Amino acid sequence: MKKSVIRFSLLLVFSLFAVIQLSAQTIEQTPPEGFDLAKSDIPHGTITTITYPSKTVGTDRKATIYTPPGYSKSKKYPVLYLLHGIGGDEKEWLNGGHPEIILDNLYAQGKVVPMIVVMPNGRAMKDDSPGDNIFAPDKVAAFATFEQDLLKDLIPYIEKNYPVIKNRENRAIAGLSMGGGQTLNFGFANMDKFAWMGAFSAAPNTKQPKELLPDPQKAKNMKLIWISCGDKDGLIGNSTRTSAYLKENGIPHILRITPGGVHDFKEWKDNLYRFSQLIFKPVDPKMIEAYNANF
């Protein structure tokens, strides 16, 4: 009888170990070589620039749109709103991160859900160029103003002119640096609009945790909260304090601290590569546990 109990205990231990290992093995420590290099032998998505009327700003504004390979107006798509940093504009992701290449390669491997990606100018003011002083008070304030432009002007325009699924479960927001702060600020303030958020190296515009999320239990209906930063990034405290608050309140999320990572597009491309594979599909809780255990 004792031998049977021992065998059963050992089997249970090995089974649990195997499950943990399986979960860990699904997470790549680094993206595969060539994940961000253009390939000529696969289908490609399309990049366009649109102009939309903004009542919030009182002028027409531009955004860059990525539609996936095989895009058809007869289909319905989820949407990722992808935000730039303090010195960027609607072209920053395209010029520095090439999401169209990363996503084309992932589509070819069947690793992402077909989605439309909207890259707006998150500096919501009439002269929305970075200008000579990106830290000018009016420029910085315009990043907060963008919340209303996004909700009242840009999203309605996209949902009127593109075949998208119009609910929170099919709407994601993510961004780098200043856009990472916007993601957390806007995402938590509008959980009825977004079910997925990805904050990449969030900047100091990120609100303090209790202001960011006064009632943390409401965040339990989020499909995925992704927070990431390089461990050599001087802004890492914005990410770790937010994660600590979520953890303290029992809110499931991923905190990924990249060894050796700094505040640059190498980090942000890695983040987009990972985040895009998780959104708009069921998220395995074991995957969240594995991410938090491995990074």
Protein backbone atom coordinates (compact mmCIF):
# COMPACT_ATOMS: atom_id res chain seq x y z
CA MET A 1 0.00 0.00 0.00
CA LYS A 2 2.83 2.37 0.91
CA LYS A 3 4.62 1.62 -2.35
CA SER A 4 1.45 2.48 -4.28
CA VAL A 5 1.15 5.80 -2.44
CA ILE A 6 4.82 6.58 -3.12
CA ARG A 7 4.44 5.73 -6.82
CA PHE A 8 1.32 7.88 -7.05
CA SER A 9 3.09 10.80 -5.31
CA LEU A 10 6.06 10.54 -7.63
CA LEU A 11 3.78 10.37 -10.66
CA LEU A 12 1.94 13.46 -9.46
CA VAL A 13 5.19 15.37 -8.93
CA PHE A 14 6.51 14.42 -12.37
CA SER A 15 3.17 15.34 -13.98
CA LEU A 16 3.17 18.76 -12.36
CA PHE A 17 6.78 19.29 -13.36
CA ALA A 18 5.93 18.34 -16.94
CA VAL A 19 3.05 20.81 -17.02
CA ILE A 20 5.29 23.59 -15.71
CA GLN A 21 7.98 22.73 -18.21
CA LEU A 22 5.45 22.63 -21.06
CA SER A 23 4.20 26.09 -20.11
CA ALA A 24 7.72 27.44 -19.88
CA GLN A 25 8.70 25.92 -23.21
CA THR A 26 5.98 27.85 -25.01
CA ILE A 27 7.74 31.13 -24.14
CA GLU A 28 10.69 32.14 -26.26
CA GLN A 29 13.45 33.81 -24.26
CA THR A 30 14.26 35.92 -27.33
CA PRO A 31 12.37 36.32 -30.61
CA PRO A 32 13.64 34.07 -33.42
CA GLU A 33 16.25 35.43 -35.78
CA GLY A 34 14.62 37.29 -38.66
CA PHE A 35 11.31 37.94 -36.89
CA ASP A 36 11.59 41.60 -37.91
CA LEU A 37 13.06 41.14 -41.39
CA ALA A 38 10.91 41.45 -44.51
CA LYS A 39 10.34 38.25 -46.50
CA SER A 40 9.40 38.25 -50.17
CA ASP A 41 7.82 34.80 -50.27
CA ILE A 42 4.89 35.44 -47.92
CA PRO A 43 1.66 37.47 -48.21
CA HIS A 44 1.89 41.09 -47.09
CA GLY A 45 -0.47 43.49 -45.41
CA THR A 46 -1.07 47.05 -46.55
CA ILE A 47 -0.09 50.39 -45.01
CA THR A 48 -2.24 53.46 -45.67
CA THR A 49 -2.55 56.94 -44.17
CA ILE A 50 -6.01 58.21 -43.33
CA THR A 51 -7.28 61.65 -42.37
CA TYR A 52 -10.12 61.88 -39.87
CA PRO A 53 -12.07 64.89 -38.55
CA SER A 54 -11.38 65.64 -34.88
CA LYS A 55 -13.97 67.68 -33.03
CA THR A 56 -11.77 67.39 -29.95
CA VAL A 57 -8.87 69.22 -31.61
CA GLY A 58 -10.88 71.22 -34.13
CA THR A 59 -9.00 70.06 -37.21
CA ASP A 60 -8.39 67.05 -39.43
CA ARG A 61 -5.79 64.61 -38.09
CA LYS A 62 -3.75 61.77 -39.59
CA ALA A 63 -3.28 58.13 -38.61
CA THR A 64 -1.41 55.23 -40.17
CA ILE A 65 -3.38 52.02 -40.76
CA TYR A 66 -2.13 48.46 -41.23
CA THR A 67 -4.57 45.99 -42.74
CA PRO A 68 -3.55 42.31 -42.69
CA PRO A 69 -2.76 39.98 -45.60
CA GLY A 70 -5.98 38.86 -47.24
CA TYR A 71 -7.88 41.86 -45.91
CA SER A 72 -11.45 41.95 -47.13
CA LYS A 73 -14.30 44.33 -46.44
CA SER A 74 -16.58 41.31 -46.26
CA LYS A 75 -14.85 40.16 -43.06
CA LYS A 76 -14.91 41.67 -39.57
CA TYR A 77 -11.69 42.40 -37.69
CA PRO A 78 -10.55 43.29 -34.18
CA VAL A 79 -8.49 46.47 -33.83
CA LEU A 80 -5.23 47.27 -32.06
CA TYR A 81 -4.59 50.95 -31.36
CA LEU A 82 -0.79 51.26 -31.25
CA LEU A 83 0.64 54.43 -29.70
CA HIS A 84 4.01 56.16 -30.11
CA GLY A 85 6.45 57.94 -27.76
CA ILE A 86 6.93 61.57 -26.77
CA GLY A 87 9.11 62.42 -29.76
CA GLY A 88 7.15 60.49 -32.35
CA ASP A 89 4.03 60.75 -34.45
CA GLU A 90 1.77 58.48 -36.51
CA LYS A 91 4.84 57.26 -38.44
CA GLU A 92 7.13 56.41 -35.51
CA TRP A 93 6.16 52.75 -35.21
CA LEU A 94 6.32 52.34 -38.97
CA ASN A 95 9.77 53.91 -39.25
CA GLY A 96 11.36 52.49 -36.12
CA GLY A 97 9.54 49.26 -35.33
CA HIS A 98 8.08 48.05 -38.64
CA PRO A 99 5.01 46.36 -37.16
CA GLU A 100 3.90 45.50 -40.70
CA ILE A 101 6.95 43.24 -41.09
CA ILE A 102 6.61 41.63 -37.66
CA LEU A 103 2.91 40.95 -38.20
CA ASP A 104 3.30 39.74 -41.80
CA ASN A 105 5.81 37.17 -40.57
CA LEU A 106 3.53 36.08 -37.73
CA TYR A 107 0.54 35.76 -40.08
CA ALA A 108 2.59 33.52 -42.34
CA GLN A 109 3.18 31.24 -39.35
CA GLY A 110 -0.46 31.32 -38.23
CA LYS A 111 0.46 32.83 -34.88
CA VAL A 112 -1.77 35.91 -34.79
CA VAL A 113 -5.44 36.66 -35.26
CA PRO A 114 -6.03 38.86 -38.35
CA MET A 115 -6.39 42.40 -37.05
CA ILE A 116 -6.36 46.01 -38.14
CA VAL A 117 -3.65 48.12 -36.48
CA VAL A 118 -4.25 51.85 -36.09
CA MET A 119 -1.21 54.04 -35.38
CA PRO A 120 -2.44 57.56 -34.54
CA ASN A 121 -0.68 60.75 -33.57
CA GLY A 122 -1.09 60.78 -29.80
CA ARG A 123 -0.25 64.48 -29.52
CA ALA A 124 -3.78 65.88 -29.84
CA MET A 125 -3.31 69.51 -30.84
CA LYS A 126 -3.56 71.53 -34.05
CA ASP A 127 0.20 71.56 -34.57
CA ASP A 128 0.78 67.93 -33.63
CA SER A 129 4.37 67.74 -34.86
CA PRO A 130 7.04 67.04 -32.20
CA GLY A 131 8.53 70.49 -32.77
CA ASP A 132 11.84 71.72 -31.38
CA ASN A 133 10.88 71.09 -27.75
CA ILE A 134 9.04 67.82 -27.27
CA PHE A 135 8.75 68.57 -23.53
CA ALA A 136 6.94 71.89 -24.00
CA PRO A 137 3.96 72.01 -21.59
CA ASP A 138 1.38 72.29 -24.37
CA LYS A 139 2.94 69.33 -26.21
CA VAL A 140 2.90 67.18 -23.07
CA ALA A 141 -0.68 68.20 -22.22
CA ALA A 142 -1.78 67.17 -25.71
CA PHE A 143 -0.94 63.54 -24.91
CA ALA A 144 -3.61 63.61 -22.19
CA THR A 145 -6.07 65.38 -24.52
CA PHE A 146 -5.67 62.49 -26.95
CA GLU A 147 -7.88 60.32 -24.74
CA GLN A 148 -10.93 62.28 -25.89
CA ASP A 149 -9.75 62.43 -29.50
CA LEU A 150 -9.29 58.66 -29.45
CA LEU A 151 -12.66 57.86 -27.90
CA LYS A 152 -14.84 60.50 -29.55
CA ASP A 153 -13.21 60.98 -32.95
CA LEU A 154 -10.75 58.30 -34.06
CA ILE A 155 -12.50 55.13 -32.88
CA PRO A 156 -15.88 56.23 -34.33
CA TYR A 157 -14.15 57.04 -37.64
CA ILE A 158 -12.45 53.63 -37.79
CA GLU A 159 -15.68 51.84 -36.89
CA LYS A 160 -17.60 53.74 -39.57
CA ASN A 161 -15.05 53.25 -42.36
CA TYR A 162 -13.53 49.83 -41.67
CA PRO A 163 -15.13 46.39 -41.16
CA VAL A 164 -14.35 46.04 -37.47
CA ILE A 165 -15.99 44.27 -34.55
CA LYS A 166 -17.39 46.99 -32.30
CA ASN A 167 -16.99 45.73 -28.76
CA ARG A 168 -14.37 45.86 -26.01
CA GLU A 169 -13.38 42.22 -26.49
CA ASN A 170 -12.16 43.10 -29.99
CA ARG A 171 -10.44 46.36 -29.13
CA ALA A 172 -6.87 46.54 -27.79
CA ILE A 173 -4.58 49.43 -26.89
CA ALA A 174 -0.80 49.33 -26.60
CA GLY A 175 2.09 51.75 -26.82
CA LEU A 176 5.72 52.54 -26.17
CA SER A 177 7.09 55.00 -23.59
CA MET A 178 4.67 57.98 -23.55
CA GLY A 179 2.26 55.73 -25.45
CA GLY A 180 2.75 53.08 -22.78
CA GLY A 181 1.66 55.59 -20.16
CA GLN A 182 -1.32 56.56 -22.31
CA THR A 183 -2.18 52.88 -22.62
CA LEU A 184 -2.38 52.41 -18.86
CA ASN A 185 -4.13 55.75 -18.25
CA PHE A 186 -6.72 55.34 -21.01
CA GLY A 187 -7.08 51.58 -20.76
CA PHE A 188 -7.91 51.46 -17.06
CA ALA A 189 -10.12 54.56 -17.33
CA ASN A 190 -12.11 52.98 -20.18
CA MET A 191 -12.36 49.27 -19.45
CA ASP A 192 -15.75 49.32 -21.15
CA LYS A 193 -13.92 50.19 -24.39
CA PHE A 194 -10.75 48.05 -24.19
CA ALA A 195 -10.25 44.48 -22.99
CA TRP A 196 -6.55 44.20 -23.87
CA MET A 197 -3.69 46.54 -22.99
CA GLY A 198 0.05 46.46 -23.51
CA ALA A 199 2.32 49.02 -21.85
CA PHE A 200 5.84 48.93 -23.26
CA SER A 201 8.39 50.87 -21.16
CA ALA A 202 5.71 53.20 -19.77
CA ALA A 203 6.86 56.81 -19.29
CA PRO A 204 6.34 59.14 -16.27
CA ASN A 205 2.99 60.28 -17.68
CA THR A 206 1.65 57.04 -16.15
CA LYS A 207 -0.65 57.94 -13.27
CA GLN A 208 0.09 56.76 -9.75
CA PRO A 209 -1.53 53.36 -9.08
CA LYS A 210 -4.43 54.48 -6.89
CA GLU A 211 -5.30 57.27 -9.30
CA LEU A 212 -4.82 54.95 -12.25
CA LEU A 213 -7.15 52.32 -10.85
CA PRO A 214 -9.17 53.49 -7.82
CA ASP A 215 -11.26 50.31 -7.80
CA PRO A 216 -8.76 47.61 -8.79
CA GLN A 217 -11.29 44.77 -8.70
CA LYS A 218 -12.90 46.18 -11.84
CA ALA A 219 -9.75 45.22 -13.73
CA LYS A 220 -10.53 41.54 -13.26
CA ASN A 221 -12.65 41.68 -16.41
CA MET A 222 -9.63 42.60 -18.54
CA LYS A 223 -8.64 39.87 -20.98
CA LEU A 224 -4.93 40.70 -20.75
CA ILE A 225 -2.81 43.33 -19.03
CA TRP A 226 0.75 43.27 -20.36
CA ILE A 227 3.44 45.42 -18.71
CA SER A 228 7.04 45.24 -19.87
CA CYS A 229 10.29 47.13 -19.54
CA GLY A 230 14.02 46.55 -19.89
CA ASP A 231 15.93 46.13 -16.64
CA LYS A 232 18.45 48.78 -17.77
CA ASP A 233 15.71 51.33 -18.53
CA GLY A 234 15.68 54.29 -16.15
CA LEU A 235 11.88 54.42 -16.42
CA ILE A 236 11.38 50.90 -15.07
CA GLY A 237 9.80 52.19 -11.85
CA ASN A 238 6.63 53.21 -13.72
CA SER A 239 6.12 49.58 -14.73
CA THR A 240 7.10 47.87 -11.47
CA ARG A 241 4.97 50.12 -9.24
CA THR A 242 1.91 49.49 -11.44
CA SER A 243 2.54 45.75 -11.42
CA ALA A 244 3.06 45.72 -7.64
CA TYR A 245 -0.32 47.43 -7.14
CA LEU A 246 -2.06 44.95 -9.44
CA LYS A 247 -0.39 42.02 -7.69
CA GLU A 248 -1.32 43.39 -4.27
CA ASN A 249 -4.96 43.48 -5.37
CA GLY A 250 -4.98 40.08 -7.03
CA ILE A 251 -5.31 41.34 -10.61
CA PRO A 252 -3.89 38.85 -13.16
CA HIS A 253 -1.32 40.44 -15.45
CA ILE A 254 2.03 39.85 -17.09
CA LEU A 255 5.10 41.75 -15.91
CA ARG A 256 8.00 41.09 -18.23
CA ILE A 257 11.36 42.59 -17.29
CA THR A 258 13.78 42.13 -20.18
CA PRO A 259 17.36 41.34 -19.11
CA GLY A 260 19.67 43.99 -20.55
CA GLY A 261 16.77 45.84 -22.16
CA VAL A 262 16.91 49.60 -22.58
CA HIS A 263 14.54 52.28 -23.88
CA ASP A 264 14.69 51.50 -27.59
CA PHE A 265 13.00 49.78 -30.50
CA LYS A 266 14.79 46.50 -29.90
CA GLU A 267 12.76 46.26 -26.69
CA TRP A 268 9.52 47.51 -28.24
CA LYS A 269 9.67 45.23 -31.27
CA ASP A 270 10.16 42.29 -28.91
CA ASN A 271 7.12 43.44 -26.92
CA LEU A 272 4.92 43.81 -30.01
CA TYR A 273 6.03 40.40 -31.28
CA ARG A 274 4.89 38.78 -28.02
CA PHE A 275 1.82 40.89 -27.22
CA SER A 276 0.30 40.55 -30.70
CA GLN A 277 0.35 36.75 -30.41
CA LEU A 278 -1.73 36.82 -27.22
CA ILE A 279 -4.53 39.23 -28.07
CA PHE A 280 -7.99 38.48 -29.47
CA LYS A 281 -7.80 34.81 -28.48
CA PRO A 282 -8.26 32.83 -25.25
CA VAL A 283 -5.44 33.48 -22.78
CA ASP A 284 -4.23 30.47 -20.83
CA PRO A 285 -3.68 31.41 -17.14
CA LYS A 286 -0.70 29.04 -17.19
CA MET A 287 0.84 31.24 -19.87
CA ILE A 288 0.59 34.27 -17.57
CA GLU A 289 2.14 32.25 -14.74
CA ALA A 290 4.92 31.03 -17.03
CA TYR A 291 5.71 34.54 -18.26
CA ASN A 292 5.89 35.88 -14.72
CA ALA A 293 8.07 32.95 -13.66
CA ASN A 294 10.49 33.23 -16.57
CA PHE A 295 11.13 36.97 -16.68
